[in-house]
N, C-alpha and C. Protein backbone atom coordinates (compact mmCIF):
# COMPACT_ATOMS: atom_id res chain seq x y z
N UNK A 1 -0.36 -10.01 6.30
CA UNK A 1 0.44 -10.32 5.38
C UNK A 1 2.60 -10.79 5.50
N UNK A 2 2.05 -12.67 5.00
CA UNK A 2 3.78 -13.06 5.57
C UNK A 2 4.52 -12.48 4.37
N UNK A 3 4.63 -12.32 3.76
CA UNK A 3 5.18 -11.42 2.64
C UNK A 3 6.83 -10.96 2.99
N UNK A 4 8.25 -11.00 3.26
CA UNK A 4 9.35 -10.64 3.01
C UNK A 4 9.02 -9.37 2.60
N UNK A 5 9.40 -7.96 3.75
CA UNK A 5 8.65 -6.85 2.56
C UNK A 5 10.64 -7.06 2.06
N UNK A 6 11.47 -6.93 2.49
CA UNK A 6 13.15 -7.04 1.36
C UNK A 6 12.63 -7.21 0.67
N UNK A 7 11.33 -8.50 0.68
CA UNK A 7 11.47 -8.95 -1.00
C UNK A 7 10.18 -8.46 -2.03
N UNK A 8 8.75 -7.94 -0.88
CA UNK A 8 8.20 -7.69 -1.60
C UNK A 8 8.51 -5.94 -2.43
N UNK A 9 8.40 -5.03 -1.32
CA UNK A 9 8.81 -3.70 -1.99
C UNK A 9 9.57 -4.03 -3.29
N UNK A 10 10.68 -3.58 -3.27
CA UNK A 10 11.91 -4.18 -4.02
C UNK A 10 10.63 -4.76 -5.20
N UNK A 11 10.65 -6.07 -5.94
CA UNK A 11 10.35 -6.01 -6.49
C UNK A 11 7.92 -5.53 -6.70
N UNK A 12 7.66 -5.14 -6.16
CA UNK A 12 6.32 -4.18 -6.29
C UNK A 12 6.98 -2.79 -6.89
N UNK A 13 8.21 -2.11 -6.59
CA UNK A 13 8.65 -1.11 -7.07
C UNK A 13 9.75 -1.07 -8.15
N UNK A 14 9.52 -2.66 -8.52
CA UNK A 14 10.56 -3.11 -9.86
C UNK A 14 9.71 -3.47 -11.22
N UNK A 15 8.62 -3.70 -10.61
CA UNK A 15 7.39 -3.94 -11.54
C UNK A 15 5.91 -2.34 -11.43
N UNK A 16 5.82 -0.90 -10.83
CA UNK A 16 5.36 -0.67 -11.26
C UNK A 16 6.62 0.79 -11.66
N UNK A 17 7.77 0.07 -12.21
CA UNK A 17 9.28 0.46 -12.95
C UNK A 17 8.84 1.87 -11.82
N UNK A 18 9.56 1.66 -10.39
CA UNK A 18 10.40 3.18 -9.42
C UNK A 18 11.87 2.70 -9.21
N UNK A 19 11.90 3.54 -9.47
CA UNK A 19 13.47 3.36 -9.03
C UNK A 19 14.19 4.12 -7.93
N UNK A 20 13.62 3.96 -6.54
CA UNK A 20 13.47 5.25 -6.06
C UNK A 20 14.98 5.13 -5.28
N UNK A 21 16.00 5.95 -4.43
CA UNK A 21 17.25 6.14 -3.65
C UNK A 21 17.41 4.32 -3.17
N UNK A 22 18.07 3.94 -2.47
CA UNK A 22 18.29 3.13 -0.86
C UNK A 22 17.73 3.22 0.34
N UNK A 23 17.96 4.84 -0.22
CA UNK A 23 17.89 4.92 1.54
C UNK A 23 15.75 5.33 0.66
N UNK A 24 15.56 5.87 -0.23
CA UNK A 24 13.97 5.49 0.26
C UNK A 24 12.84 4.16 0.18
N UNK A 25 14.50 3.12 0.17
CA UNK A 25 13.97 1.75 0.04
C UNK A 25 13.87 0.63 1.24
N UNK A 26 14.90 1.75 1.52
CA UNK A 26 15.17 0.87 3.14
C UNK A 26 14.01 1.52 4.06
N UNK A 27 13.69 2.97 3.87
CA UNK A 27 12.27 3.54 4.12
C UNK A 27 10.62 2.61 4.13
N UNK A 28 10.66 2.26 3.33
CA UNK A 28 9.44 1.97 2.18
C UNK A 28 10.17 0.98 3.54
N UNK A 29 10.85 -0.65 2.91
CA UNK A 29 10.68 -1.90 3.98
C UNK A 29 10.00 -1.84 5.49
N UNK A 30 10.82 -0.88 5.63
CA UNK A 30 11.04 -0.17 7.12
C UNK A 30 8.83 -0.21 8.03
N UNK A 31 8.49 0.45 6.53
CA UNK A 31 7.90 1.00 6.58
C UNK A 31 6.79 0.23 6.37
N UNK A 32 6.46 -0.68 5.70
CA UNK A 32 5.79 -1.75 5.58
C UNK A 32 4.73 -2.51 5.78
N UNK A 33 5.97 -3.38 7.60
CA UNK A 33 4.04 -4.42 7.95
C UNK A 33 2.94 -2.89 8.29
N UNK A 34 3.88 -1.69 9.53
CA UNK A 34 2.49 -0.79 9.76
C UNK A 34 1.60 -1.34 8.72
N UNK A 35 2.00 -0.75 7.59
CA UNK A 35 0.91 0.48 6.05
C UNK A 35 0.06 -0.76 5.59
N UNK A 36 1.11 -1.99 5.61
CA UNK A 36 -0.09 -3.40 4.99
C UNK A 36 -1.38 -3.66 7.03
N UNK A 37 -0.70 -3.29 7.68
CA UNK A 37 -1.94 -3.78 8.72
C UNK A 37 -2.31 -2.82 8.60
N UNK A 38 -2.23 -1.43 8.21
CA UNK A 38 -3.58 -0.19 7.89
C UNK A 38 -4.20 -0.56 7.31
N UNK A 39 -4.36 -1.17 6.49
CA UNK A 39 -4.34 -0.80 4.76
C UNK A 39 -5.89 -2.29 5.71
N UNK A 40 -4.82 -3.34 6.27
CA UNK A 40 -6.40 -4.34 6.06
C UNK A 40 -7.18 -4.21 7.06
N UNK A 41 -7.12 -2.72 7.60
CA UNK A 41 -8.23 -2.61 9.22
C UNK A 41 -9.67 -2.09 8.45
N UNK A 42 -8.84 -1.50 6.97
CA UNK A 42 -9.83 -1.07 5.82
C UNK A 42 -11.03 -1.57 5.61
N UNK A 43 -10.81 -3.56 5.86
CA UNK A 43 -11.93 -4.64 5.42
C UNK A 43 -12.12 -4.84 6.81
N UNK A 44 -11.72 -4.52 8.28
CA UNK A 44 -12.33 -5.52 8.77
C UNK A 44 -13.62 -5.30 9.52
N UNK A 45 -14.21 -4.15 8.65
CA UNK A 45 -16.00 -3.41 9.81
C UNK A 45 -16.43 -4.53 8.11
N UNK A 46 -17.12 -6.14 7.92
CA UNK A 46 -18.36 -6.43 6.63
C UNK A 46 -19.41 -5.67 6.24
N UNK A 47 -19.40 -4.61 6.89
CA UNK A 47 -21.09 -4.14 6.51
C UNK A 47 -20.29 -3.25 5.67
N UNK A 48 -18.88 -2.22 5.18
CA UNK A 48 -18.63 -1.09 4.67
C UNK A 48 -17.64 -1.74 3.63
N UNK A 49 -17.12 -2.90 3.61
CA UNK A 49 -16.62 -3.60 2.76
C UNK A 49 -16.46 -3.06 1.10
N UNK A 50 -17.46 -3.73 1.12
CA UNK A 50 -18.34 -2.47 -0.86
C UNK A 50 -19.02 -1.66 -0.24
N UNK A 51 -18.40 -0.60 0.18
CA UNK A 51 -19.05 0.46 0.35
C UNK A 51 -18.03 1.71 -0.53
N UNK A 52 -18.63 2.58 -1.15
CA UNK A 52 -17.48 3.93 -1.27
C UNK A 52 -17.21 4.85 -0.74
N UNK A 53 -16.22 5.30 -0.51
CA UNK A 53 -15.88 6.55 0.83
C UNK A 53 -16.52 7.41 0.42
N UNK A 54 -16.25 8.35 1.40
CA UNK A 54 -17.06 9.56 1.29
C UNK A 54 -16.39 10.44 0.33
N UNK A 55 -15.25 10.39 0.16
CA UNK A 55 -14.23 11.72 -0.94
C UNK A 55 -13.74 10.79 -2.01
N UNK A 56 -14.85 11.00 -3.57
CA UNK A 56 -14.26 10.18 -4.29
C UNK A 56 -13.93 11.27 -5.49
N UNK A 57 -12.85 12.10 -5.52
CA UNK A 57 -12.89 13.13 -6.65
C UNK A 57 -13.25 11.91 -7.94
N UNK A 58 -14.50 12.83 -8.78
CA UNK A 58 -14.68 12.74 -9.75
C UNK A 58 -14.74 14.05 -11.39
N UNK A 59 -13.80 13.86 -12.20
CA UNK A 59 -12.91 15.13 -13.11
C UNK A 59 -14.19 14.69 -14.09
N UNK A 60 -14.35 15.85 -14.35
CA UNK A 60 -15.63 15.76 -15.13
C UNK A 60 -15.01 17.40 -16.00
N UNK A 61 -15.87 17.68 -17.55
CA UNK A 61 -15.52 18.69 -18.24
C UNK A 61 -16.66 19.45 -18.13
């Protein structure tokens, strides 16, 4: 992702209505590039792109 984490992370938090402390936001901004790269690897295998994960919680009454 090419977006600046210092801009994107606070915007996502505001959109979600979450107000963490400044220290937490700084940690999220620092971790964002690694997390974004890890998420992108989930889609790196074309055969698995549309598959459902093995561990799915289904609440039933």
